Amino acid sequence: MNDLERDIIREILNIGLARAADSFAAIAQEKVLLEVPSLELVRPRDILKMVNKYQAQHVVVQSDIKGDFNGTTLMFFSGQHVQRLSHVCLRQTIEETLNLNEMQESLLLEISNIITGALVTQLANILKAKIYGAPPRAPKGDLAHALDNLLLTHPQMQPLIFSVITQFSDQNSNVELPLMLFFDRLTFDKILSIIRTYDLPGNGQLA
């Protein structure tokens, strides 16, 4: 992957995430700022370290991407998010908490579904791929341990993961909503193959 291809992939993801940020802003009733996503090939052990770091202080919601691409999104909601969204969407006044009741968990699942759906729709349109988001779930227990089992037993996920980590920030309180998106190697190869069909300067097989 050369620098131009990397920039194109980053911009494609940025467009998809911008639509997701708009969806989140509508729900949260706040202007949401989107940090330009980083784009890295990350080894599985480093992924697990990042997940551990976020999970310690957030509620995690996982949504799988299916179809032509195989991937997963992880959204990390802080206690501040739970407090704010409970107030806006459920009309509940609560303290910051990571201990969710049934309505709060359903709310976070629905928000993740909307955001992931917006992202997946944009990626499908831009890359002309047949992909969809599976119903989100709130994993119980140690998510890093579950991912560790997947990374160790699923050969398509080794040895590198195509990872994007971005932040949605509330303009007033600067409450960040980390989102982690990663694809397996086969999906990365598919995306790169699509990019290489474009008529790009420096593309070896194109004029």
N, C-alpha and C. Protein backbone atom coordinates (compact mmCIF):
# COMPACT_ATOMS: atom_id res chain seq x y z
N MET A 1 0.85 -1.19 0.00
CA MET A 1 0.00 0.00 0.00
C MET A 1 0.88 1.23 0.00
N ASN A 2 0.76 2.04 -1.07
CA ASN A 2 1.57 3.25 -1.11
C ASN A 2 0.83 4.40 -0.41
N ASP A 3 1.48 5.56 -0.34
CA ASP A 3 0.92 6.68 0.42
C ASP A 3 -0.40 7.16 -0.18
N LEU A 4 -0.51 7.17 -1.51
CA LEU A 4 -1.74 7.63 -2.15
C LEU A 4 -2.89 6.69 -1.84
N GLU A 5 -2.63 5.39 -1.92
CA GLU A 5 -3.67 4.41 -1.60
C GLU A 5 -4.10 4.53 -0.14
N ARG A 6 -3.15 4.75 0.73
CA ARG A 6 -3.47 4.94 2.14
C ARG A 6 -4.37 6.17 2.34
N ASP A 7 -4.04 7.26 1.65
CA ASP A 7 -4.84 8.48 1.77
C ASP A 7 -6.26 8.28 1.24
N ILE A 8 -6.38 7.52 0.14
CA ILE A 8 -7.71 7.27 -0.43
C ILE A 8 -8.56 6.44 0.52
N ILE A 9 -7.97 5.41 1.10
CA ILE A 9 -8.72 4.58 2.05
C ILE A 9 -9.13 5.41 3.26
N ARG A 10 -8.22 6.23 3.75
CA ARG A 10 -8.54 7.08 4.90
C ARG A 10 -9.70 8.02 4.56
N GLU A 11 -9.70 8.59 3.35
CA GLU A 11 -10.76 9.51 2.97
C GLU A 11 -12.10 8.79 2.80
N ILE A 12 -12.07 7.57 2.25
CA ILE A 12 -13.31 6.78 2.13
C ILE A 12 -13.90 6.53 3.52
N LEU A 13 -13.05 6.14 4.45
CA LEU A 13 -13.51 5.90 5.81
C LEU A 13 -13.98 7.20 6.47
N ASN A 14 -13.31 8.29 6.16
CA ASN A 14 -13.68 9.58 6.73
C ASN A 14 -15.09 9.98 6.28
N ILE A 15 -15.42 9.72 5.01
CA ILE A 15 -16.75 10.03 4.49
C ILE A 15 -17.80 9.19 5.21
N GLY A 16 -17.50 7.89 5.37
CA GLY A 16 -18.43 7.03 6.07
C GLY A 16 -18.62 7.42 7.52
N LEU A 17 -17.53 7.77 8.18
CA LEU A 17 -17.60 8.16 9.59
C LEU A 17 -18.28 9.51 9.77
N ALA A 18 -18.17 10.39 8.77
CA ALA A 18 -18.86 11.68 8.84
C ALA A 18 -20.37 11.48 8.86
N ARG A 19 -20.86 10.53 8.05
CA ARG A 19 -22.29 10.22 8.08
C ARG A 19 -22.67 9.64 9.45
N ALA A 20 -21.80 8.80 9.98
CA ALA A 20 -22.06 8.23 11.30
C ALA A 20 -22.09 9.32 12.37
N ALA A 21 -21.18 10.30 12.26
CA ALA A 21 -21.14 11.41 13.22
C ALA A 21 -22.41 12.23 13.14
N ASP A 22 -22.94 12.45 11.92
CA ASP A 22 -24.20 13.18 11.76
C ASP A 22 -25.34 12.44 12.46
N SER A 23 -25.35 11.11 12.32
CA SER A 23 -26.39 10.31 12.96
C SER A 23 -26.30 10.43 14.48
N PHE A 24 -25.08 10.38 15.01
CA PHE A 24 -24.90 10.50 16.45
C PHE A 24 -25.29 11.89 16.94
N ALA A 25 -24.96 12.91 16.17
CA ALA A 25 -25.30 14.28 16.56
C ALA A 25 -26.82 14.46 16.66
N ALA A 26 -27.56 13.83 15.74
CA ALA A 26 -29.01 13.93 15.77
C ALA A 26 -29.57 13.28 17.03
N ILE A 27 -28.98 12.17 17.45
CA ILE A 27 -29.45 11.47 18.64
C ILE A 27 -29.08 12.25 19.90
N ALA A 28 -27.82 12.69 19.98
CA ALA A 28 -27.33 13.35 21.18
C ALA A 28 -27.77 14.81 21.29
N GLN A 29 -28.33 15.34 20.19
CA GLN A 29 -28.77 16.74 20.15
C GLN A 29 -27.62 17.68 20.47
N GLU A 30 -26.47 17.35 19.95
CA GLU A 30 -25.28 18.19 20.12
C GLU A 30 -24.53 18.23 18.80
N LYS A 31 -23.77 19.29 18.59
CA LYS A 31 -22.86 19.31 17.45
C LYS A 31 -21.71 18.36 17.76
N VAL A 32 -21.40 17.47 16.84
CA VAL A 32 -20.37 16.46 17.06
C VAL A 32 -19.20 16.71 16.13
N LEU A 33 -18.02 16.74 16.70
CA LEU A 33 -16.80 16.94 15.93
C LEU A 33 -16.16 15.58 15.68
N LEU A 34 -15.74 15.35 14.45
CA LEU A 34 -15.14 14.08 14.08
C LEU A 34 -13.65 14.25 13.87
N GLU A 35 -12.88 13.50 14.62
CA GLU A 35 -11.44 13.50 14.43
C GLU A 35 -11.09 12.66 13.22
N VAL A 36 -10.22 13.17 12.35
CA VAL A 36 -9.83 12.40 11.16
C VAL A 36 -9.25 11.06 11.60
N PRO A 37 -9.76 9.96 11.05
CA PRO A 37 -9.34 8.64 11.54
C PRO A 37 -7.88 8.34 11.23
N SER A 38 -7.25 7.67 12.16
CA SER A 38 -5.92 7.13 11.88
C SER A 38 -6.11 5.82 11.14
N LEU A 39 -5.12 5.44 10.40
CA LEU A 39 -5.20 4.22 9.59
C LEU A 39 -3.91 3.45 9.79
N GLU A 40 -4.01 2.30 10.42
CA GLU A 40 -2.81 1.54 10.74
C GLU A 40 -3.03 0.06 10.53
N LEU A 41 -1.96 -0.62 10.21
CA LEU A 41 -1.95 -2.08 10.24
C LEU A 41 -1.40 -2.47 11.60
N VAL A 42 -2.25 -3.05 12.41
CA VAL A 42 -1.91 -3.28 13.81
C VAL A 42 -1.88 -4.78 14.11
N ARG A 43 -0.88 -5.18 14.85
CA ARG A 43 -0.78 -6.58 15.24
C ARG A 43 -1.83 -6.91 16.30
N PRO A 44 -2.31 -8.16 16.29
CA PRO A 44 -3.40 -8.53 17.21
C PRO A 44 -3.12 -8.18 18.67
N ARG A 45 -1.90 -8.39 19.15
CA ARG A 45 -1.61 -8.12 20.56
C ARG A 45 -1.79 -6.64 20.90
N ASP A 46 -1.48 -5.76 19.93
CA ASP A 46 -1.66 -4.34 20.16
C ASP A 46 -3.14 -3.97 20.19
N ILE A 47 -3.94 -4.65 19.34
CA ILE A 47 -5.39 -4.45 19.37
C ILE A 47 -5.93 -4.78 20.75
N LEU A 48 -5.49 -5.91 21.30
CA LEU A 48 -5.99 -6.36 22.60
C LEU A 48 -5.64 -5.37 23.70
N LYS A 49 -4.45 -4.78 23.63
CA LYS A 49 -4.05 -3.79 24.62
C LYS A 49 -4.97 -2.56 24.57
N MET A 50 -5.29 -2.12 23.34
CA MET A 50 -6.16 -0.96 23.20
C MET A 50 -7.57 -1.25 23.71
N VAL A 51 -8.07 -2.46 23.40
CA VAL A 51 -9.40 -2.84 23.87
C VAL A 51 -9.44 -2.87 25.39
N ASN A 52 -8.42 -3.45 26.00
CA ASN A 52 -8.34 -3.49 27.46
C ASN A 52 -8.38 -2.09 28.06
N LYS A 53 -7.66 -1.17 27.46
CA LYS A 53 -7.58 0.19 27.95
C LYS A 53 -8.96 0.86 27.92
N TYR A 54 -9.66 0.72 26.79
CA TYR A 54 -10.97 1.35 26.66
C TYR A 54 -12.03 0.67 27.51
N GLN A 55 -11.99 -0.67 27.55
CA GLN A 55 -13.05 -1.39 28.25
C GLN A 55 -13.06 -1.09 29.75
N ALA A 56 -11.91 -0.75 30.29
CA ALA A 56 -11.83 -0.49 31.73
C ALA A 56 -12.69 0.69 32.15
N GLN A 57 -12.96 1.62 31.22
CA GLN A 57 -13.68 2.84 31.60
C GLN A 57 -14.89 3.12 30.70
N HIS A 58 -15.32 2.11 29.95
CA HIS A 58 -16.42 2.31 29.02
C HIS A 58 -17.33 1.09 28.97
N VAL A 59 -18.55 1.33 28.50
CA VAL A 59 -19.45 0.24 28.10
C VAL A 59 -19.17 -0.03 26.62
N VAL A 60 -18.95 -1.29 26.29
CA VAL A 60 -18.59 -1.66 24.92
C VAL A 60 -19.81 -2.21 24.19
N VAL A 61 -19.99 -1.76 22.95
CA VAL A 61 -21.01 -2.33 22.08
C VAL A 61 -20.32 -2.78 20.80
N GLN A 62 -20.57 -4.01 20.41
CA GLN A 62 -19.91 -4.62 19.26
C GLN A 62 -20.92 -4.85 18.14
N SER A 63 -20.55 -4.48 16.92
CA SER A 63 -21.36 -4.74 15.73
C SER A 63 -20.47 -5.35 14.67
N ASP A 64 -20.88 -6.49 14.14
CA ASP A 64 -20.09 -7.15 13.10
C ASP A 64 -20.54 -6.69 11.72
N ILE A 65 -19.59 -6.63 10.81
CA ILE A 65 -19.86 -6.29 9.41
C ILE A 65 -19.78 -7.57 8.60
N LYS A 66 -20.82 -7.85 7.84
CA LYS A 66 -20.91 -9.09 7.09
C LYS A 66 -21.07 -8.81 5.60
N GLY A 67 -20.98 -9.87 4.81
CA GLY A 67 -21.16 -9.74 3.37
C GLY A 67 -19.83 -9.86 2.66
N ASP A 68 -19.60 -8.97 1.67
CA ASP A 68 -18.34 -8.99 0.92
C ASP A 68 -17.14 -8.71 1.82
N PHE A 69 -17.36 -7.93 2.88
CA PHE A 69 -16.30 -7.61 3.82
C PHE A 69 -16.58 -8.29 5.16
N ASN A 70 -15.54 -8.60 5.88
CA ASN A 70 -15.68 -9.19 7.20
C ASN A 70 -14.96 -8.30 8.21
N GLY A 71 -15.72 -7.74 9.12
CA GLY A 71 -15.10 -6.84 10.09
C GLY A 71 -15.96 -6.66 11.32
N THR A 72 -15.51 -5.77 12.19
CA THR A 72 -16.20 -5.51 13.45
C THR A 72 -16.02 -4.04 13.82
N THR A 73 -17.06 -3.45 14.36
CA THR A 73 -16.93 -2.14 14.98
C THR A 73 -17.11 -2.30 16.49
N LEU A 74 -16.32 -1.58 17.23
CA LEU A 74 -16.46 -1.52 18.68
C LEU A 74 -16.67 -0.06 19.07
N MET A 75 -17.78 0.21 19.75
CA MET A 75 -18.04 1.56 20.24
C MET A 75 -17.92 1.55 21.76
N PHE A 76 -17.32 2.60 22.29
CA PHE A 76 -17.02 2.66 23.72
C PHE A 76 -17.74 3.86 24.34
N PHE A 77 -18.78 3.59 25.11
CA PHE A 77 -19.58 4.65 25.73
C PHE A 77 -19.11 4.87 27.17
N SER A 78 -18.78 6.09 27.50
CA SER A 78 -18.36 6.43 28.86
C SER A 78 -19.57 6.64 29.76
N GLY A 79 -19.31 6.77 31.06
CA GLY A 79 -20.38 7.09 31.99
C GLY A 79 -21.05 8.40 31.65
N GLN A 80 -20.29 9.35 31.12
CA GLN A 80 -20.87 10.63 30.71
C GLN A 80 -21.84 10.46 29.55
N HIS A 81 -21.47 9.55 28.61
CA HIS A 81 -22.40 9.28 27.51
C HIS A 81 -23.70 8.68 28.03
N VAL A 82 -23.58 7.72 28.93
CA VAL A 82 -24.77 7.07 29.49
C VAL A 82 -25.65 8.11 30.16
N GLN A 83 -25.02 9.01 30.93
CA GLN A 83 -25.77 10.06 31.62
C GLN A 83 -26.46 10.98 30.63
N ARG A 84 -25.72 11.46 29.64
CA ARG A 84 -26.27 12.42 28.67
C ARG A 84 -27.36 11.79 27.81
N LEU A 85 -27.10 10.59 27.29
CA LEU A 85 -28.07 9.96 26.40
C LEU A 85 -29.32 9.51 27.16
N SER A 86 -29.15 9.13 28.41
CA SER A 86 -30.31 8.78 29.22
C SER A 86 -31.21 10.00 29.41
N HIS A 87 -30.58 11.16 29.60
CA HIS A 87 -31.34 12.39 29.78
C HIS A 87 -32.05 12.80 28.49
N VAL A 88 -31.33 12.77 27.37
CA VAL A 88 -31.89 13.24 26.10
C VAL A 88 -32.93 12.27 25.55
N CYS A 89 -32.63 10.98 25.58
CA CYS A 89 -33.47 10.00 24.89
C CYS A 89 -34.49 9.32 25.80
N LEU A 90 -34.15 9.17 27.07
CA LEU A 90 -35.04 8.45 27.98
C LEU A 90 -35.69 9.35 29.02
N ARG A 91 -35.30 10.63 29.02
CA ARG A 91 -35.81 11.59 30.01
C ARG A 91 -35.52 11.11 31.43
N GLN A 92 -34.37 10.50 31.62
CA GLN A 92 -33.95 10.02 32.93
C GLN A 92 -32.79 10.88 33.44
N THR A 93 -32.86 11.32 34.67
CA THR A 93 -31.77 12.06 35.29
C THR A 93 -31.00 11.11 36.19
N ILE A 94 -29.77 10.81 35.81
CA ILE A 94 -28.96 9.84 36.55
C ILE A 94 -27.55 10.38 36.74
N GLU A 95 -26.82 9.76 37.61
CA GLU A 95 -25.40 10.04 37.75
C GLU A 95 -24.63 9.30 36.66
N GLU A 96 -23.38 9.70 36.45
CA GLU A 96 -22.54 8.96 35.50
C GLU A 96 -22.40 7.51 35.97
N THR A 97 -22.60 6.57 35.06
CA THR A 97 -22.55 5.17 35.46
C THR A 97 -22.22 4.27 34.28
N LEU A 98 -21.60 3.14 34.58
CA LEU A 98 -21.38 2.10 33.59
C LEU A 98 -22.27 0.89 33.88
N ASN A 99 -23.07 0.99 34.94
CA ASN A 99 -24.01 -0.08 35.29
C ASN A 99 -25.36 0.25 34.67
N LEU A 100 -25.68 -0.43 33.58
CA LEU A 100 -26.85 -0.07 32.79
C LEU A 100 -28.09 -0.84 33.23
N ASN A 101 -29.23 -0.16 33.18
CA ASN A 101 -30.48 -0.89 33.28
C ASN A 101 -30.89 -1.35 31.88
N GLU A 102 -31.99 -2.06 31.81
CA GLU A 102 -32.39 -2.66 30.53
C GLU A 102 -32.66 -1.61 29.47
N MET A 103 -33.30 -0.52 29.84
CA MET A 103 -33.62 0.53 28.87
C MET A 103 -32.35 1.21 28.37
N GLN A 104 -31.41 1.45 29.25
CA GLN A 104 -30.16 2.10 28.85
C GLN A 104 -29.35 1.21 27.91
N GLU A 105 -29.29 -0.09 28.20
CA GLU A 105 -28.56 -0.99 27.32
C GLU A 105 -29.23 -1.05 25.95
N SER A 106 -30.55 -1.10 25.91
CA SER A 106 -31.26 -1.11 24.64
C SER A 106 -30.98 0.17 23.85
N LEU A 107 -30.89 1.29 24.56
CA LEU A 107 -30.61 2.57 23.92
C LEU A 107 -29.23 2.56 23.27
N LEU A 108 -28.21 2.11 24.01
CA LEU A 108 -26.86 2.09 23.45
C LEU A 108 -26.77 1.12 22.27
N LEU A 109 -27.47 0.01 22.34
CA LEU A 109 -27.48 -0.93 21.21
C LEU A 109 -28.10 -0.27 19.98
N GLU A 110 -29.19 0.46 20.18
CA GLU A 110 -29.85 1.10 19.05
C GLU A 110 -28.98 2.21 18.46
N ILE A 111 -28.31 2.97 19.33
CA ILE A 111 -27.42 4.03 18.84
C ILE A 111 -26.27 3.42 18.03
N SER A 112 -25.69 2.35 18.55
CA SER A 112 -24.62 1.68 17.81
C SER A 112 -25.12 1.16 16.48
N ASN A 113 -26.34 0.64 16.47
CA ASN A 113 -26.93 0.13 15.24
C ASN A 113 -27.08 1.23 14.20
N ILE A 114 -27.51 2.40 14.64
CA ILE A 114 -27.69 3.53 13.73
C ILE A 114 -26.35 4.02 13.20
N ILE A 115 -25.37 4.16 14.08
CA ILE A 115 -24.06 4.68 13.67
C ILE A 115 -23.36 3.69 12.74
N THR A 116 -23.34 2.41 13.13
CA THR A 116 -22.70 1.40 12.29
C THR A 116 -23.43 1.29 10.95
N GLY A 117 -24.76 1.37 10.98
CA GLY A 117 -25.52 1.31 9.74
C GLY A 117 -25.18 2.44 8.79
N ALA A 118 -25.02 3.65 9.34
CA ALA A 118 -24.65 4.80 8.51
C ALA A 118 -23.28 4.60 7.89
N LEU A 119 -22.35 4.09 8.69
CA LEU A 119 -20.99 3.84 8.20
C LEU A 119 -20.99 2.77 7.12
N VAL A 120 -21.67 1.66 7.38
CA VAL A 120 -21.67 0.54 6.44
C VAL A 120 -22.34 0.94 5.12
N THR A 121 -23.42 1.71 5.21
CA THR A 121 -24.12 2.15 3.99
C THR A 121 -23.21 2.99 3.12
N GLN A 122 -22.46 3.90 3.73
CA GLN A 122 -21.55 4.73 2.96
C GLN A 122 -20.43 3.91 2.33
N LEU A 123 -19.86 2.98 3.09
CA LEU A 123 -18.80 2.13 2.54
C LEU A 123 -19.32 1.28 1.40
N ALA A 124 -20.53 0.75 1.54
CA ALA A 124 -21.13 -0.07 0.49
C ALA A 124 -21.32 0.74 -0.79
N ASN A 125 -21.79 1.98 -0.63
CA ASN A 125 -22.03 2.83 -1.80
C ASN A 125 -20.73 3.21 -2.50
N ILE A 126 -19.74 3.60 -1.72
CA ILE A 126 -18.48 4.08 -2.30
C ILE A 126 -17.70 2.94 -2.94
N LEU A 127 -17.65 1.79 -2.26
CA LEU A 127 -16.84 0.67 -2.73
C LEU A 127 -17.63 -0.33 -3.56
N LYS A 128 -18.93 -0.04 -3.79
CA LYS A 128 -19.79 -0.92 -4.59
C LYS A 128 -19.75 -2.35 -4.05
N ALA A 129 -19.88 -2.47 -2.75
CA ALA A 129 -19.80 -3.78 -2.09
C ALA A 129 -21.13 -4.11 -1.43
N LYS A 130 -21.42 -5.39 -1.34
CA LYS A 130 -22.62 -5.85 -0.67
C LYS A 130 -22.26 -6.20 0.77
N ILE A 131 -22.48 -5.26 1.66
CA ILE A 131 -22.15 -5.46 3.07
C ILE A 131 -23.30 -4.96 3.92
N TYR A 132 -23.38 -5.47 5.13
CA TYR A 132 -24.42 -5.06 6.05
C TYR A 132 -23.91 -5.22 7.47
N GLY A 133 -24.53 -4.50 8.38
CA GLY A 133 -24.17 -4.61 9.78
C GLY A 133 -25.06 -5.60 10.50
N ALA A 134 -24.47 -6.54 11.21
CA ALA A 134 -25.24 -7.48 12.02
C ALA A 134 -25.79 -6.77 13.25
N PRO A 135 -26.83 -7.29 13.88
CA PRO A 135 -27.38 -6.65 15.08
C PRO A 135 -26.30 -6.48 16.15
N PRO A 136 -26.21 -5.30 16.75
CA PRO A 136 -25.18 -5.06 17.77
C PRO A 136 -25.46 -5.83 19.04
N ARG A 137 -24.42 -6.01 19.82
CA ARG A 137 -24.56 -6.69 21.11
C ARG A 137 -23.60 -6.05 22.11
N ALA A 138 -23.94 -6.19 23.36
CA ALA A 138 -23.08 -5.69 24.44
C ALA A 138 -22.36 -6.88 25.04
N PRO A 139 -21.11 -7.12 24.65
CA PRO A 139 -20.40 -8.31 25.14
C PRO A 139 -20.26 -8.28 26.66
N LYS A 140 -20.43 -9.41 27.26
CA LYS A 140 -20.26 -9.53 28.70
C LYS A 140 -18.88 -10.11 29.00
N GLY A 141 -18.32 -9.71 30.13
CA GLY A 141 -17.01 -10.24 30.51
C GLY A 141 -15.88 -9.53 29.79
N ASP A 142 -14.77 -10.20 29.71
CA ASP A 142 -13.53 -9.63 29.16
C ASP A 142 -13.55 -9.72 27.65
N LEU A 143 -13.80 -8.58 26.99
CA LEU A 143 -13.87 -8.56 25.54
C LEU A 143 -12.52 -8.89 24.93
N ALA A 144 -11.44 -8.39 25.53
CA ALA A 144 -10.11 -8.67 25.00
C ALA A 144 -9.84 -10.17 25.00
N HIS A 145 -10.32 -10.87 26.03
CA HIS A 145 -10.13 -12.33 26.08
C HIS A 145 -10.88 -13.00 24.94
N ALA A 146 -12.11 -12.53 24.68
CA ALA A 146 -12.89 -13.10 23.59
C ALA A 146 -12.21 -12.83 22.25
N LEU A 147 -11.71 -11.63 22.07
CA LEU A 147 -11.00 -11.31 20.83
C LEU A 147 -9.71 -12.09 20.71
N ASP A 148 -9.06 -12.30 21.85
CA ASP A 148 -7.82 -13.07 21.86
C ASP A 148 -8.07 -14.47 21.30
N ASN A 149 -9.16 -15.10 21.72
CA ASN A 149 -9.49 -16.42 21.20
C ASN A 149 -9.73 -16.36 19.70
N LEU A 150 -10.42 -15.32 19.25
CA LEU A 150 -10.69 -15.17 17.82
C LEU A 150 -9.41 -14.99 17.03
N LEU A 151 -8.55 -14.10 17.51
CA LEU A 151 -7.33 -13.79 16.78
C LEU A 151 -6.38 -14.99 16.72
N LEU A 152 -6.42 -15.81 17.77
CA LEU A 152 -5.51 -16.95 17.81
C LEU A 152 -6.03 -18.13 17.00
N THR A 153 -7.34 -18.24 16.83
CA THR A 153 -7.90 -19.42 16.18
C THR A 153 -8.40 -19.16 14.77
N HIS A 154 -8.52 -17.89 14.40
CA HIS A 154 -9.06 -17.54 13.08
C HIS A 154 -7.91 -17.13 12.17
N PRO A 155 -7.46 -18.00 11.27
CA PRO A 155 -6.27 -17.69 10.47
C PRO A 155 -6.42 -16.46 9.59
N GLN A 156 -7.65 -16.12 9.21
CA GLN A 156 -7.83 -14.95 8.34
C GLN A 156 -7.56 -13.65 9.09
N MET A 157 -7.55 -13.71 10.41
CA MET A 157 -7.33 -12.50 11.19
C MET A 157 -5.86 -12.28 11.53
N GLN A 158 -4.99 -13.18 11.08
CA GLN A 158 -3.57 -13.08 11.42
C GLN A 158 -2.75 -12.74 10.19
N PRO A 159 -1.58 -12.11 10.35
CA PRO A 159 -1.05 -11.59 11.61
C PRO A 159 -1.34 -10.11 11.81
N LEU A 160 -2.02 -9.48 10.81
CA LEU A 160 -2.24 -8.05 10.90
C LEU A 160 -3.72 -7.73 10.80
N ILE A 161 -4.14 -6.70 11.49
CA ILE A 161 -5.51 -6.24 11.45
C ILE A 161 -5.52 -4.82 10.88
N PHE A 162 -6.45 -4.60 9.95
CA PHE A 162 -6.64 -3.28 9.38
C PHE A 162 -7.51 -2.50 10.35
N SER A 163 -6.93 -1.53 11.02
CA SER A 163 -7.63 -0.89 12.15
C SER A 163 -7.76 0.60 11.96
N VAL A 164 -8.93 1.11 12.29
CA VAL A 164 -9.17 2.55 12.30
C VAL A 164 -9.72 2.91 13.66
N ILE A 165 -9.15 3.90 14.28
CA ILE A 165 -9.66 4.38 15.56
C ILE A 165 -9.97 5.86 15.39
N THR A 166 -11.20 6.24 15.71
CA THR A 166 -11.57 7.64 15.56
C THR A 166 -12.27 8.11 16.81
N GLN A 167 -12.54 9.39 16.89
CA GLN A 167 -13.19 9.98 18.07
C GLN A 167 -14.28 10.93 17.60
N PHE A 168 -15.47 10.78 18.18
CA PHE A 168 -16.51 11.78 18.04
C PHE A 168 -16.48 12.61 19.31
N SER A 169 -16.44 13.93 19.17
CA SER A 169 -16.36 14.79 20.36
C SER A 169 -17.55 15.74 20.41
N ASP A 170 -18.15 15.84 21.57
CA ASP A 170 -19.20 16.80 21.85
C ASP A 170 -18.54 18.18 21.96
N GLN A 171 -19.05 19.15 21.23
CA GLN A 171 -18.40 20.45 21.17
C GLN A 171 -18.35 21.15 22.53
N ASN A 172 -19.39 20.98 23.33
CA ASN A 172 -19.46 21.71 24.60
C ASN A 172 -18.64 21.06 25.70
N SER A 173 -18.83 19.75 25.88
CA SER A 173 -18.18 19.09 27.01
C SER A 173 -16.98 18.26 26.59
N ASN A 174 -16.73 18.17 25.29
CA ASN A 174 -15.59 17.42 24.77
C ASN A 174 -15.57 15.97 25.30
N VAL A 175 -16.73 15.33 25.26
CA VAL A 175 -16.84 13.93 25.65
C VAL A 175 -16.57 13.07 24.42
N GLU A 176 -15.49 12.35 24.44
CA GLU A 176 -15.10 11.58 23.27
C GLU A 176 -15.83 10.25 23.23
N LEU A 177 -16.20 9.83 22.03
CA LEU A 177 -16.84 8.54 21.81
C LEU A 177 -15.92 7.71 20.90
N PRO A 178 -15.02 6.94 21.48
CA PRO A 178 -14.09 6.17 20.65
C PRO A 178 -14.83 5.10 19.85
N LEU A 179 -14.44 4.96 18.61
CA LEU A 179 -14.94 3.90 17.75
C LEU A 179 -13.76 3.20 17.12
N MET A 180 -13.73 1.89 17.24
CA MET A 180 -12.65 1.09 16.68
C MET A 180 -13.24 0.21 15.57
N LEU A 181 -12.66 0.27 14.41
CA LEU A 181 -13.13 -0.51 13.27
C LEU A 181 -11.97 -1.35 12.77
N PHE A 182 -12.19 -2.66 12.67
CA PHE A 182 -11.11 -3.45 12.08
C PHE A 182 -11.64 -4.53 11.16
N PHE A 183 -10.86 -4.80 10.12
CA PHE A 183 -11.17 -5.79 9.11
C PHE A 183 -10.09 -6.86 9.10
N ASP A 184 -10.46 -8.03 8.61
CA ASP A 184 -9.45 -9.08 8.49
C ASP A 184 -8.62 -8.87 7.22
N ARG A 185 -7.64 -9.71 7.04
CA ARG A 185 -6.69 -9.54 5.92
C ARG A 185 -7.38 -9.67 4.57
N LEU A 186 -8.30 -10.62 4.45
CA LEU A 186 -8.97 -10.81 3.16
C LEU A 186 -9.76 -9.57 2.77
N THR A 187 -10.42 -8.96 3.75
CA THR A 187 -11.17 -7.74 3.47
C THR A 187 -10.23 -6.60 3.09
N PHE A 188 -9.12 -6.50 3.79
CA PHE A 188 -8.13 -5.48 3.43
C PHE A 188 -7.67 -5.66 1.98
N ASP A 189 -7.40 -6.91 1.59
CA ASP A 189 -6.98 -7.19 0.21
C ASP A 189 -8.07 -6.78 -0.79
N LYS A 190 -9.33 -7.04 -0.44
CA LYS A 190 -10.44 -6.67 -1.33
C LYS A 190 -10.53 -5.17 -1.49
N ILE A 191 -10.43 -4.44 -0.38
CA ILE A 191 -10.51 -2.98 -0.44
C ILE A 191 -9.36 -2.42 -1.26
N LEU A 192 -8.17 -2.95 -1.04
CA LEU A 192 -7.00 -2.47 -1.78
C LEU A 192 -7.15 -2.78 -3.27
N SER A 193 -7.71 -3.93 -3.60
CA SER A 193 -7.92 -4.29 -5.01
C SER A 193 -8.89 -3.32 -5.68
N ILE A 194 -9.94 -2.93 -4.94
CA ILE A 194 -10.90 -1.96 -5.48
C ILE A 194 -10.22 -0.62 -5.72
N ILE A 195 -9.43 -0.20 -4.75
CA ILE A 195 -8.72 1.08 -4.89
C ILE A 195 -7.81 1.05 -6.11
N ARG A 196 -7.19 -0.06 -6.36
CA ARG A 196 -6.22 -0.17 -7.46
C ARG A 196 -6.87 -0.25 -8.84
N THR A 197 -8.20 -0.36 -8.89
CA THR A 197 -8.88 -0.28 -10.18
C THR A 197 -9.11 1.17 -10.58
N TYR A 198 -8.92 2.10 -9.64
CA TYR A 198 -9.09 3.52 -9.94
C TYR A 198 -7.94 3.99 -10.82
N ASP A 199 -8.21 4.97 -11.63
CA ASP A 199 -7.17 5.54 -12.49
C ASP A 199 -6.38 6.58 -11.69
N LEU A 200 -5.35 6.06 -11.01
CA LEU A 200 -4.59 6.90 -10.10
C LEU A 200 -3.18 7.17 -10.63
N PRO A 201 -2.65 8.35 -10.37
CA PRO A 201 -1.24 8.61 -10.71
C PRO A 201 -0.33 7.62 -10.00
N GLY A 202 0.57 7.01 -10.73
CA GLY A 202 1.52 6.10 -10.11
C GLY A 202 1.00 4.70 -9.98
N ASN A 203 -0.22 4.44 -10.41
CA ASN A 203 -0.75 3.08 -10.36
C ASN A 203 -0.09 2.28 -11.47
N GLY A 204 0.63 1.23 -11.09
CA GLY A 204 1.49 0.53 -12.02
C GLY A 204 0.81 0.01 -13.27
N GLN A 205 -0.41 -0.55 -13.15
CA GLN A 205 -1.03 -1.16 -14.30
C GLN A 205 -1.91 -0.19 -15.08
N LEU A 206 -2.02 1.05 -14.60
CA LEU A 206 -2.85 2.03 -15.29
C LEU A 206 -1.98 3.14 -15.83
N ALA A 207 -2.49 3.76 -16.90
CA ALA A 207 -1.74 4.85 -17.53
C ALA A 207 -1.81 6.09 -16.65
